[in-house]
Amino acid sequence: IAREVGVDPSKINYVAFRGGGEAIAAILGGNVTIGGSGYSEFSEYIAS
């Protein structure tokens, strides 16, 4: 995405988590700006 919009991909601030549970907690807690994962992992939180 960064590359497509003209941003140096090496400059993105990516926060890696060891599992989906950790990533979900970080997103819900506002500790990251934007989160990504398989749709199934986020579906219940999107629905709610």
All heavy atoms as atom14 arrays in JSON, in Angstrom:
{
  "sequence": "IAREVGVDPSKINYVAFRGGGEAIAAILGGNVTIGGSGYSEFSEYIAS",
  "atom14_mask": [
    [1, 1, 1, 1, 1, 1, 1, 1, 0, 0, 0, 0, 0, 0],
    [1, 1, 1, 1, 1, 0, 0, 0, 0, 0, 0, 0, 0, 0],
    [1, 1, 1, 1, 1, 1, 1, 1, 1, 1, 1, 0, 0, 0],
    [1, 1, 1, 1, 1, 1, 1, 1, 1, 0, 0, 0, 0, 0],
    [1, 1, 1, 1, 1, 1, 1, 0, 0, 0, 0, 0, 0, 0],
    [1, 1, 1, 1, 0, 0, 0, 0, 0, 0, 0, 0, 0, 0],
    [1, 1, 1, 1, 1, 1, 1, 0, 0, 0, 0, 0, 0, 0],
    [1, 1, 1, 1, 1, 1, 1, 1, 0, 0, 0, 0, 0, 0],
    [1, 1, 1, 1, 1, 1, 1, 0, 0, 0, 0, 0, 0, 0],
    [1, 1, 1, 1, 1, 1, 0, 0, 0, 0, 0, 0, 0, 0],
    [1, 1, 1, 1, 1, 1, 1, 1, 1, 0, 0, 0, 0, 0],
    [1, 1, 1, 1, 1, 1, 1, 1, 0, 0, 0, 0, 0, 0],
    [1, 1, 1, 1, 1, 1, 1, 1, 0, 0, 0, 0, 0, 0],
    [1, 1, 1, 1, 1, 1, 1, 1, 1, 1, 1, 1, 0, 0],
    [1, 1, 1, 1, 1, 1, 1, 0, 0, 0, 0, 0, 0, 0],
    [1, 1, 1, 1, 1, 0, 0, 0, 0, 0, 0, 0, 0, 0],
    [1, 1, 1, 1, 1, 1, 1, 1, 1, 1, 1, 0, 0, 0],
    [1, 1, 1, 1, 1, 1, 1, 1, 1, 1, 1, 0, 0, 0],
    [1, 1, 1, 1, 0, 0, 0, 0, 0, 0, 0, 0, 0, 0],
    [1, 1, 1, 1, 0, 0, 0, 0, 0, 0, 0, 0, 0, 0],
    [1, 1, 1, 1, 0, 0, 0, 0, 0, 0, 0, 0, 0, 0],
    [1, 1, 1, 1, 1, 1, 1, 1, 1, 0, 0, 0, 0, 0],
    [1, 1, 1, 1, 1, 0, 0, 0, 0, 0, 0, 0, 0, 0],
    [1, 1, 1, 1, 1, 1, 1, 1, 0, 0, 0, 0, 0, 0],
    [1, 1, 1, 1, 1, 0, 0, 0, 0, 0, 0, 0, 0, 0],
    [1, 1, 1, 1, 1, 0, 0, 0, 0, 0, 0, 0, 0, 0],
    [1, 1, 1, 1, 1, 1, 1, 1, 0, 0, 0, 0, 0, 0],
    [1, 1, 1, 1, 1, 1, 1, 1, 0, 0, 0, 0, 0, 0],
    [1, 1, 1, 1, 0, 0, 0, 0, 0, 0, 0, 0, 0, 0],
    [1, 1, 1, 1, 0, 0, 0, 0, 0, 0, 0, 0, 0, 0],
    [1, 1, 1, 1, 1, 1, 1, 1, 0, 0, 0, 0, 0, 0],
    [1, 1, 1, 1, 1, 1, 1, 0, 0, 0, 0, 0, 0, 0],
    [1, 1, 1, 1, 1, 1, 1, 0, 0, 0, 0, 0, 0, 0],
    [1, 1, 1, 1, 1, 1, 1, 1, 0, 0, 0, 0, 0, 0],
    [1, 1, 1, 1, 0, 0, 0, 0, 0, 0, 0, 0, 0, 0],
    [1, 1, 1, 1, 0, 0, 0, 0, 0, 0, 0, 0, 0, 0],
    [1, 1, 1, 1, 1, 1, 0, 0, 0, 0, 0, 0, 0, 0],
    [1, 1, 1, 1, 0, 0, 0, 0, 0, 0, 0, 0, 0, 0],
    [1, 1, 1, 1, 1, 1, 1, 1, 1, 1, 1, 1, 0, 0],
    [1, 1, 1, 1, 1, 1, 0, 0, 0, 0, 0, 0, 0, 0],
    [1, 1, 1, 1, 1, 1, 1, 1, 1, 0, 0, 0, 0, 0],
    [1, 1, 1, 1, 1, 1, 1, 1, 1, 1, 1, 0, 0, 0],
    [1, 1, 1, 1, 1, 1, 0, 0, 0, 0, 0, 0, 0, 0],
    [1, 1, 1, 1, 1, 1, 1, 1, 1, 0, 0, 0, 0, 0],
    [1, 1, 1, 1, 1, 1, 1, 1, 1, 1, 1, 1, 0, 0],
    [1, 1, 1, 1, 1, 1, 1, 1, 0, 0, 0, 0, 0, 0],
    [1, 1, 1, 1, 1, 0, 0, 0, 0, 0, 0, 0, 0, 0],
    [1, 1, 1, 1, 1, 1, 0, 0, 0, 0, 0, 0, 0, 0]
  ],
  "atom14_positions": [
    [[0.84, -1.2, 0.0], [0.0, 0.0, 0.0], [0.88, 1.25, 0.0], [0.66, 2.19, -0.77], [-0.95, 0.0, 1.22], [-2.03, -1.08, 1.06], [-1.6, 1.38, 1.4], [-2.83, -1.34, 2.32], [0.0, 0.0, 0.0], [0.0, 0.0, 0.0], [0.0, 0.0, 0.0], [0.0, 0.0, 0.0], [0.0, 0.0, 0.0], [0.0, 0.0, 0.0]],
    [[1.88, 1.25, 0.88], [2.8, 2.4, 0.95], [3.45, 2.65, -0.41], [3.49, 3.79, -0.89], [3.87, 2.16, 2.02], [0.0, 0.0, 0.0], [0.0, 0.0, 0.0], [0.0, 0.0, 0.0], [0.0, 0.0, 0.0], [0.0, 0.0, 0.0], [0.0, 0.0, 0.0], [0.0, 0.0, 0.0], [0.0, 0.0, 0.0], [0.0, 0.0, 0.0]],
    [[3.93, 1.6, -1.0], [4.6, 1.73, -2.3], [3.65, 2.28, -3.37], [4.01, 3.14, -4.17], [5.16, 0.37, -2.72], [5.99, 0.4, -4.0], [6.63, -0.97, -4.25], [7.4, -0.95, -5.48], [6.88, -1.18, -6.68], [5.6, -1.44, -6.8], [7.63, -1.13, -7.77], [0.0, 0.0, 0.0], [0.0, 0.0, 0.0], [0.0, 0.0, 0.0]],
    [[2.42, 1.79, -3.35], [1.43, 2.21, -4.35], [1.06, 3.68, -4.22], [0.71, 4.33, -5.2], [0.16, 1.34, -4.25], [0.28, -0.02, -4.89], [0.45, 0.06, -6.4], [-0.3, 0.82, -7.04], [1.33, -0.63, -6.94], [0.0, 0.0, 0.0], [0.0, 0.0, 0.0], [0.0, 0.0, 0.0], [0.0, 0.0, 0.0], [0.0, 0.0, 0.0]],
    [[1.11, 4.23, -3.0], [0.7, 5.63, -2.81], [1.91, 6.57, -2.76], [1.78, 7.74, -2.42], [-0.16, 5.79, -1.52], [-1.4, 4.91, -1.61], [0.65, 5.48, -0.26], [0.0, 0.0, 0.0], [0.0, 0.0, 0.0], [0.0, 0.0, 0.0], [0.0, 0.0, 0.0], [0.0, 0.0, 0.0], [0.0, 0.0, 0.0], [0.0, 0.0, 0.0]],
    [[3.09, 6.02, -3.09], [4.26, 6.88, -3.21], [5.06, 7.08, -1.94], [5.85, 8.03, -1.84], [0.0, 0.0, 0.0], [0.0, 0.0, 0.0], [0.0, 0.0, 0.0], [0.0, 0.0, 0.0], [0.0, 0.0, 0.0], [0.0, 0.0, 0.0], [0.0, 0.0, 0.0], [0.0, 0.0, 0.0], [0.0, 0.0, 0.0], [0.0, 0.0, 0.0]],
    [[4.89, 6.18, -0.96], [5.64, 6.28, 0.3], [6.68, 5.16, 0.32], [6.42, 4.03, -0.09], [4.69, 6.14, 1.51], [5.48, 6.07, 2.82], [3.7, 7.29, 1.55], [0.0, 0.0, 0.0], [0.0, 0.0, 0.0], [0.0, 0.0, 0.0], [0.0, 0.0, 0.0], [0.0, 0.0, 0.0], [0.0, 0.0, 0.0], [0.0, 0.0, 0.0]],
    [[7.87, 5.46, 0.81], [8.94, 4.47, 0.92], [8.48, 3.36, 1.87], [8.26, 3.61, 3.06], [10.21, 5.14, 1.46], [11.38, 4.18, 1.56], [11.19, 2.96, 1.38], [12.5, 4.66, 1.84], [0.0, 0.0, 0.0], [0.0, 0.0, 0.0], [0.0, 0.0, 0.0], [0.0, 0.0, 0.0], [0.0, 0.0, 0.0], [0.0, 0.0, 0.0]],
    [[8.33, 2.11, 1.38], [7.83, 1.03, 2.25], [8.71, 0.77, 3.46], [8.22, 0.31, 4.49], [7.84, -0.19, 1.32], [7.79, 0.36, -0.07], [8.55, 1.65, 0.0], [0.0, 0.0, 0.0], [0.0, 0.0, 0.0], [0.0, 0.0, 0.0], [0.0, 0.0, 0.0], [0.0, 0.0, 0.0], [0.0, 0.0, 0.0], [0.0, 0.0, 0.0]],
    [[9.99, 1.07, 3.34], [10.89, 0.83, 4.47], [10.63, 1.78, 5.63], [11.12, 1.57, 6.74], [12.35, 0.95, 4.03], [12.66, 2.29, 3.66], [0.0, 0.0, 0.0], [0.0, 0.0, 0.0], [0.0, 0.0, 0.0], [0.0, 0.0, 0.0], [0.0, 0.0, 0.0], [0.0, 0.0, 0.0], [0.0, 0.0, 0.0], [0.0, 0.0, 0.0]],
    [[9.83, 2.83, 5.4], [9.55, 3.81, 6.44], [8.24, 3.55, 7.18], [7.89, 4.29, 8.1], [9.52, 5.22, 5.84], [10.9, 5.7, 5.36], [10.84, 7.13, 4.86], [12.24, 7.61, 4.44], [12.21, 9.0, 3.94], [0.0, 0.0, 0.0], [0.0, 0.0, 0.0], [0.0, 0.0, 0.0], [0.0, 0.0, 0.0], [0.0, 0.0, 0.0]],
    [[7.51, 2.5, 6.79], [6.26, 2.24, 7.51], [6.56, 1.77, 8.92], [7.57, 1.12, 9.19], [5.36, 1.22, 6.78], [6.0, -0.18, 6.75], [4.99, 1.69, 5.39], [5.05, -1.25, 6.28], [0.0, 0.0, 0.0], [0.0, 0.0, 0.0], [0.0, 0.0, 0.0], [0.0, 0.0, 0.0], [0.0, 0.0, 0.0], [0.0, 0.0, 0.0]],
    [[5.68, 2.12, 9.83], [5.81, 1.78, 11.24], [4.93, 0.57, 11.52], [3.76, 0.7, 11.85], [5.41, 2.97, 12.1], [5.59, 2.72, 13.59], [6.05, 1.67, 14.01], [5.19, 3.7, 14.38], [0.0, 0.0, 0.0], [0.0, 0.0, 0.0], [0.0, 0.0, 0.0], [0.0, 0.0, 0.0], [0.0, 0.0, 0.0], [0.0, 0.0, 0.0]],
    [[5.51, -0.63, 11.36], [4.74, -1.86, 11.51], [5.02, -2.48, 12.86], [6.17, -2.72, 13.23], [5.08, -2.86, 10.4], [4.21, -4.09, 10.44], [2.92, -4.08, 9.9], [4.65, -5.26, 11.04], [2.1, -5.19, 9.96], [3.84, -6.38, 11.11], [2.56, -6.34, 10.57], [1.75, -7.44, 10.63], [0.0, 0.0, 0.0], [0.0, 0.0, 0.0]],
    [[3.94, -2.77, 13.61], [4.06, -3.38, 14.93], [3.6, -4.83, 14.82], [2.42, -5.09, 14.55], [3.2, -2.63, 15.97], [3.4, -3.26, 17.36], [3.55, -1.15, 15.99], [0.0, 0.0, 0.0], [0.0, 0.0, 0.0], [0.0, 0.0, 0.0], [0.0, 0.0, 0.0], [0.0, 0.0, 0.0], [0.0, 0.0, 0.0], [0.0, 0.0, 0.0]],
    [[4.53, -5.75, 15.0], [4.21, -7.18, 14.85], [3.78, -7.78, 16.19], [4.36, -7.48, 17.23], [5.44, -7.91, 14.32], [0.0, 0.0, 0.0], [0.0, 0.0, 0.0], [0.0, 0.0, 0.0], [0.0, 0.0, 0.0], [0.0, 0.0, 0.0], [0.0, 0.0, 0.0], [0.0, 0.0, 0.0], [0.0, 0.0, 0.0], [0.0, 0.0, 0.0]],
    [[2.74, -8.62, 16.13], [2.27, -9.31, 17.32], [2.41, -10.81, 17.12], [2.36, -11.3, 16.0], [0.8, -8.94, 17.6], [0.61, -7.49, 17.95], [0.24, -6.57, 16.97], [0.83, -7.05, 19.24], [0.08, -5.23, 17.29], [0.68, -5.71, 19.57], [0.3, -4.8, 18.59], [0.0, 0.0, 0.0], [0.0, 0.0, 0.0], [0.0, 0.0, 0.0]],
    [[2.54, -11.54, 18.21], [2.8, -12.97, 18.12], [1.54, -13.79, 17.87], [1.63, -14.97, 17.55], [3.46, -13.48, 19.4], [4.81, -12.81, 19.66], [5.74, -13.68, 20.47], [5.12, -14.26, 21.66], [5.69, -15.23, 22.38], [6.85, -15.72, 22.02], [5.09, -15.69, 23.46], [0.0, 0.0, 0.0], [0.0, 0.0, 0.0], [0.0, 0.0, 0.0]],
    [[0.4, -13.19, 17.98], [-0.84, -13.92, 17.75], [-2.0, -12.97, 17.52], [-1.92, -11.78, 17.84], [0.0, 0.0, 0.0], [0.0, 0.0, 0.0], [0.0, 0.0, 0.0], [0.0, 0.0, 0.0], [0.0, 0.0, 0.0], [0.0, 0.0, 0.0], [0.0, 0.0, 0.0], [0.0, 0.0, 0.0], [0.0, 0.0, 0.0], [0.0, 0.0, 0.0]],
    [[-3.09, -13.51, 16.98], [-4.25, -12.68, 16.69], [-4.85, -12.05, 17.92], [-5.35, -10.92, 17.87], [0.0, 0.0, 0.0], [0.0, 0.0, 0.0], [0.0, 0.0, 0.0], [0.0, 0.0, 0.0], [0.0, 0.0, 0.0], [0.0, 0.0, 0.0], [0.0, 0.0, 0.0], [0.0, 0.0, 0.0], [0.0, 0.0, 0.0], [0.0, 0.0, 0.0]],
    [[-4.81, -12.76, 19.05], [-5.37, -12.21, 20.29], [-4.67, -10.94, 20.71], [-5.31, -9.97, 21.12], [0.0, 0.0, 0.0], [0.0, 0.0, 0.0], [0.0, 0.0, 0.0], [0.0, 0.0, 0.0], [0.0, 0.0, 0.0], [0.0, 0.0, 0.0], [0.0, 0.0, 0.0], [0.0, 0.0, 0.0], [0.0, 0.0, 0.0], [0.0, 0.0, 0.0]],
    [[-3.34, -10.92, 20.61], [-2.57, -9.73, 20.97], [-2.88, -8.57, 20.02], [-3.01, -7.42, 20.45], [-1.08, -10.04, 20.92], [-0.59, -10.98, 22.01], [0.91, -11.23, 21.92], [1.58, -10.54, 21.13], [1.4, -12.11, 22.65], [0.0, 0.0, 0.0], [0.0, 0.0, 0.0], [0.0, 0.0, 0.0], [0.0, 0.0, 0.0], [0.0, 0.0, 0.0]],
    [[-2.97, -8.88, 18.74], [-3.26, -7.83, 17.75], [-4.64, -7.23, 17.98], [-4.82, -6.01, 17.92], [-3.16, -8.41, 16.33], [0.0, 0.0, 0.0], [0.0, 0.0, 0.0], [0.0, 0.0, 0.0], [0.0, 0.0, 0.0], [0.0, 0.0, 0.0], [0.0, 0.0, 0.0], [0.0, 0.0, 0.0], [0.0, 0.0, 0.0], [0.0, 0.0, 0.0]],
    [[-5.61, -8.08, 18.27], [-6.98, -7.61, 18.52], [-7.01, -6.67, 19.73], [-7.62, -5.6, 19.7], [-7.93, -8.8, 18.72], [-8.17, -9.5, 17.38], [-9.26, -8.35, 19.33], [-8.85, -10.85, 17.51], [0.0, 0.0, 0.0], [0.0, 0.0, 0.0], [0.0, 0.0, 0.0], [0.0, 0.0, 0.0], [0.0, 0.0, 0.0], [0.0, 0.0, 0.0]],
    [[-6.32, -7.07, 20.8], [-6.28, -6.25, 22.01], [-5.65, -4.89, 21.73], [-6.12, -3.85, 22.22], [-5.51, -6.97, 23.12], [0.0, 0.0, 0.0], [0.0, 0.0, 0.0], [0.0, 0.0, 0.0], [0.0, 0.0, 0.0], [0.0, 0.0, 0.0], [0.0, 0.0, 0.0], [0.0, 0.0, 0.0], [0.0, 0.0, 0.0], [0.0, 0.0, 0.0]],
    [[-4.59, -4.88, 20.91], [-3.9, -3.62, 20.58], [-4.79, -2.7, 19.75], [-4.81, -1.48, 19.95], [-2.61, -3.91, 19.82], [0.0, 0.0, 0.0], [0.0, 0.0, 0.0], [0.0, 0.0, 0.0], [0.0, 0.0, 0.0], [0.0, 0.0, 0.0], [0.0, 0.0, 0.0], [0.0, 0.0, 0.0], [0.0, 0.0, 0.0], [0.0, 0.0, 0.0]],
    [[-5.54, -3.28, 18.83], [-6.44, -2.48, 17.99], [-7.58, -1.91, 18.83], [-7.87, -0.71, 18.79], [-6.99, -3.33, 16.82], [-5.85, -3.74, 15.88], [-8.05, -2.54, 16.05], [-6.23, -4.86, 14.93], [0.0, 0.0, 0.0], [0.0, 0.0, 0.0], [0.0, 0.0, 0.0], [0.0, 0.0, 0.0], [0.0, 0.0, 0.0], [0.0, 0.0, 0.0]],
    [[-8.23, -2.77, 19.61], [-9.35, -2.32, 20.43], [-8.92, -1.28, 21.46], [-9.68, -0.39, 21.82], [-9.99, -3.52, 21.14], [-10.67, -4.57, 20.25], [-11.21, -5.71, 21.09], [-11.79, -3.94, 19.42], [0.0, 0.0, 0.0], [0.0, 0.0, 0.0], [0.0, 0.0, 0.0], [0.0, 0.0, 0.0], [0.0, 0.0, 0.0], [0.0, 0.0, 0.0]],
    [[-7.66, -1.4, 21.91], [-7.15, -0.45, 22.9], [-6.6, 0.82, 22.29], [-6.16, 1.72, 23.02], [0.0, 0.0, 0.0], [0.0, 0.0, 0.0], [0.0, 0.0, 0.0], [0.0, 0.0, 0.0], [0.0, 0.0, 0.0], [0.0, 0.0, 0.0], [0.0, 0.0, 0.0], [0.0, 0.0, 0.0], [0.0, 0.0, 0.0], [0.0, 0.0, 0.0]],
    [[-6.64, 0.93, 20.96], [-6.13, 2.13, 20.29], [-4.62, 2.26, 20.34], [-4.08, 3.36, 20.16], [0.0, 0.0, 0.0], [0.0, 0.0, 0.0], [0.0, 0.0, 0.0], [0.0, 0.0, 0.0], [0.0, 0.0, 0.0], [0.0, 0.0, 0.0], [0.0, 0.0, 0.0], [0.0, 0.0, 0.0], [0.0, 0.0, 0.0], [0.0, 0.0, 0.0]],
    [[-3.92, 1.14, 20.53], [-2.46, 1.17, 20.6], [-1.8, 1.14, 19.23], [-0.58, 1.29, 19.14], [-1.96, 0.01, 21.46], [-2.46, 0.09, 22.89], [-2.48, 1.16, 23.48], [-2.89, -1.03, 23.44], [0.0, 0.0, 0.0], [0.0, 0.0, 0.0], [0.0, 0.0, 0.0], [0.0, 0.0, 0.0], [0.0, 0.0, 0.0], [0.0, 0.0, 0.0]],
    [[-2.58, 0.87, 18.2], [-2.1, 0.98, 16.82], [-3.12, 1.82, 16.04], [-4.28, 1.94, 16.43], [-1.92, -0.4, 16.15], [-0.82, -1.19, 16.82], [-3.22, -1.18, 16.12], [0.0, 0.0, 0.0], [0.0, 0.0, 0.0], [0.0, 0.0, 0.0], [0.0, 0.0, 0.0], [0.0, 0.0, 0.0], [0.0, 0.0, 0.0], [0.0, 0.0, 0.0]],
    [[-2.67, 2.41, 14.95], [-3.55, 3.26, 14.15], [-4.52, 2.42, 13.33], [-5.71, 2.72, 13.25], [-2.71, 4.13, 13.19], [-1.69, 4.79, 13.92], [-3.58, 5.15, 12.47], [0.0, 0.0, 0.0], [0.0, 0.0, 0.0], [0.0, 0.0, 0.0], [0.0, 0.0, 0.0], [0.0, 0.0, 0.0], [0.0, 0.0, 0.0], [0.0, 0.0, 0.0]],
    [[-3.98, 1.38, 12.71], [-4.75, 0.55, 11.79], [-4.28, -0.89, 11.94], [-3.1, -1.14, 12.15], [-4.59, 1.04, 10.33], [-5.37, 0.16, 9.34], [-3.11, 1.16, 9.94], [-5.39, 0.72, 7.92], [0.0, 0.0, 0.0], [0.0, 0.0, 0.0], [0.0, 0.0, 0.0], [0.0, 0.0, 0.0], [0.0, 0.0, 0.0], [0.0, 0.0, 0.0]],
    [[-5.21, -1.82, 11.87], [-4.85, -3.23, 12.03], [-5.26, -4.05, 10.83], [-6.21, -3.7, 10.13], [0.0, 0.0, 0.0], [0.0, 0.0, 0.0], [0.0, 0.0, 0.0], [0.0, 0.0, 0.0], [0.0, 0.0, 0.0], [0.0, 0.0, 0.0], [0.0, 0.0, 0.0], [0.0, 0.0, 0.0], [0.0, 0.0, 0.0], [0.0, 0.0, 0.0]],
    [[-4.54, -5.12, 10.61], [-4.86, -6.0, 9.51], [-4.78, -7.46, 9.92], [-3.96, -7.84, 10.76], [0.0, 0.0, 0.0], [0.0, 0.0, 0.0], [0.0, 0.0, 0.0], [0.0, 0.0, 0.0], [0.0, 0.0, 0.0], [0.0, 0.0, 0.0], [0.0, 0.0, 0.0], [0.0, 0.0, 0.0], [0.0, 0.0, 0.0], [0.0, 0.0, 0.0]],
    [[-5.66, -8.28, 9.35], [-5.63, -9.73, 9.58], [-6.65, -10.38, 8.66], [-7.32, -9.7, 7.88], [-5.95, -10.05, 11.04], [-5.69, -11.41, 11.31], [0.0, 0.0, 0.0], [0.0, 0.0, 0.0], [0.0, 0.0, 0.0], [0.0, 0.0, 0.0], [0.0, 0.0, 0.0], [0.0, 0.0, 0.0], [0.0, 0.0, 0.0], [0.0, 0.0, 0.0]],
    [[-6.75, -11.71, 8.75], [-7.79, -12.4, 8.01], [-9.16, -11.94, 8.46], [-9.36, -11.65, 9.65], [0.0, 0.0, 0.0], [0.0, 0.0, 0.0], [0.0, 0.0, 0.0], [0.0, 0.0, 0.0], [0.0, 0.0, 0.0], [0.0, 0.0, 0.0], [0.0, 0.0, 0.0], [0.0, 0.0, 0.0], [0.0, 0.0, 0.0], [0.0, 0.0, 0.0]],
    [[-10.1, -11.86, 7.54], [-11.42, -11.32, 7.88], [-12.05, -12.08, 9.04], [-12.69, -11.48, 9.91], [-12.35, -11.34, 6.66], [-13.61, -10.53, 6.9], [-13.64, -9.18, 6.6], [-14.74, -11.11, 7.48], [-14.77, -8.42, 6.86], [-15.87, -10.36, 7.74], [-15.88, -9.01, 7.43], [-16.99, -8.25, 7.7], [0.0, 0.0, 0.0], [0.0, 0.0, 0.0]],
    [[-11.85, -13.39, 9.09], [-12.49, -14.2, 10.13], [-12.06, -13.78, 11.53], [-12.84, -13.9, 12.49], [-12.17, -15.69, 9.91], [-10.78, -15.92, 10.01], [0.0, 0.0, 0.0], [0.0, 0.0, 0.0], [0.0, 0.0, 0.0], [0.0, 0.0, 0.0], [0.0, 0.0, 0.0], [0.0, 0.0, 0.0], [0.0, 0.0, 0.0], [0.0, 0.0, 0.0]],
    [[-10.83, -13.3, 11.67], [-10.32, -12.95, 12.99], [-10.98, -11.68, 13.54], [-11.07, -11.49, 14.75], [-8.81, -12.77, 12.95], [-8.07, -14.08, 12.67], [-6.57, -13.91, 12.7], [-6.05, -13.37, 13.69], [-5.91, -14.32, 11.71], [0.0, 0.0, 0.0], [0.0, 0.0, 0.0], [0.0, 0.0, 0.0], [0.0, 0.0, 0.0], [0.0, 0.0, 0.0]],
    [[-11.42, -10.8, 12.65], [-12.0, -9.52, 13.07], [-13.52, -9.46, 12.92], [-14.14, -8.48, 13.33], [-11.4, -8.38, 12.24], [-9.94, -8.1, 12.52], [-9.19, -7.33, 11.63], [-9.31, -8.57, 13.66], [-7.85, -7.05, 11.87], [-7.97, -8.3, 13.92], [-7.25, -7.53, 13.01], [0.0, 0.0, 0.0], [0.0, 0.0, 0.0], [0.0, 0.0, 0.0]],
    [[-14.11, -10.49, 12.33], [-15.53, -10.4, 11.93], [-16.46, -10.07, 13.09], [-17.37, -9.24, 12.95], [-15.97, -11.7, 11.24], [-15.81, -12.8, 12.11], [0.0, 0.0, 0.0], [0.0, 0.0, 0.0], [0.0, 0.0, 0.0], [0.0, 0.0, 0.0], [0.0, 0.0, 0.0], [0.0, 0.0, 0.0], [0.0, 0.0, 0.0], [0.0, 0.0, 0.0]],
    [[-16.25, -10.7, 14.26], [-17.19, -10.44, 15.37], [-17.05, -9.02, 15.89], [-18.04, -8.41, 16.33], [-16.96, -11.45, 16.5], [-15.64, -11.34, 17.23], [-15.56, -12.3, 18.4], [-16.16, -12.0, 19.46], [-14.9, -13.35, 18.26], [0.0, 0.0, 0.0], [0.0, 0.0, 0.0], [0.0, 0.0, 0.0], [0.0, 0.0, 0.0], [0.0, 0.0, 0.0]],
    [[-15.85, -8.46, 15.81], [-15.63, -7.08, 16.29], [-16.15, -6.06, 15.28], [-16.61, -4.99, 15.66], [-14.14, -6.86, 16.57], [-13.6, -7.85, 17.56], [-12.91, -8.98, 17.14], [-13.82, -7.68, 18.92], [-12.43, -9.91, 18.05], [-13.36, -8.61, 19.85], [-12.67, -9.73, 19.4], [-12.22, -10.65, 20.3], [0.0, 0.0, 0.0], [0.0, 0.0, 0.0]],
    [[-16.11, -6.43, 14.01], [-16.71, -5.58, 12.98], [-18.23, -5.59, 13.15], [-18.88, -4.54, 13.11], [-16.31, -6.07, 11.57], [-14.81, -5.84, 11.34], [-17.13, -5.37, 10.49], [-14.27, -6.48, 10.07], [0.0, 0.0, 0.0], [0.0, 0.0, 0.0], [0.0, 0.0, 0.0], [0.0, 0.0, 0.0], [0.0, 0.0, 0.0], [0.0, 0.0, 0.0]],
    [[-18.78, -6.78, 13.35], [-20.24, -6.91, 13.5], [-20.76, -6.15, 14.73], [-21.85, -5.58, 14.69], [-20.62, -8.39, 13.59], [0.0, 0.0, 0.0], [0.0, 0.0, 0.0], [0.0, 0.0, 0.0], [0.0, 0.0, 0.0], [0.0, 0.0, 0.0], [0.0, 0.0, 0.0], [0.0, 0.0, 0.0], [0.0, 0.0, 0.0], [0.0, 0.0, 0.0]],
    [[-19.96, -6.13, 15.8], [-20.39, -5.45, 17.04], [-20.11, -3.95, 17.02], [-20.51, -3.24, 17.93], [-19.68, -6.08, 18.24], [-18.29, -5.8, 18.21], [0.0, 0.0, 0.0], [0.0, 0.0, 0.0], [0.0, 0.0, 0.0], [0.0, 0.0, 0.0], [0.0, 0.0, 0.0], [0.0, 0.0, 0.0], [0.0, 0.0, 0.0], [0.0, 0.0, 0.0]]
  ]
}
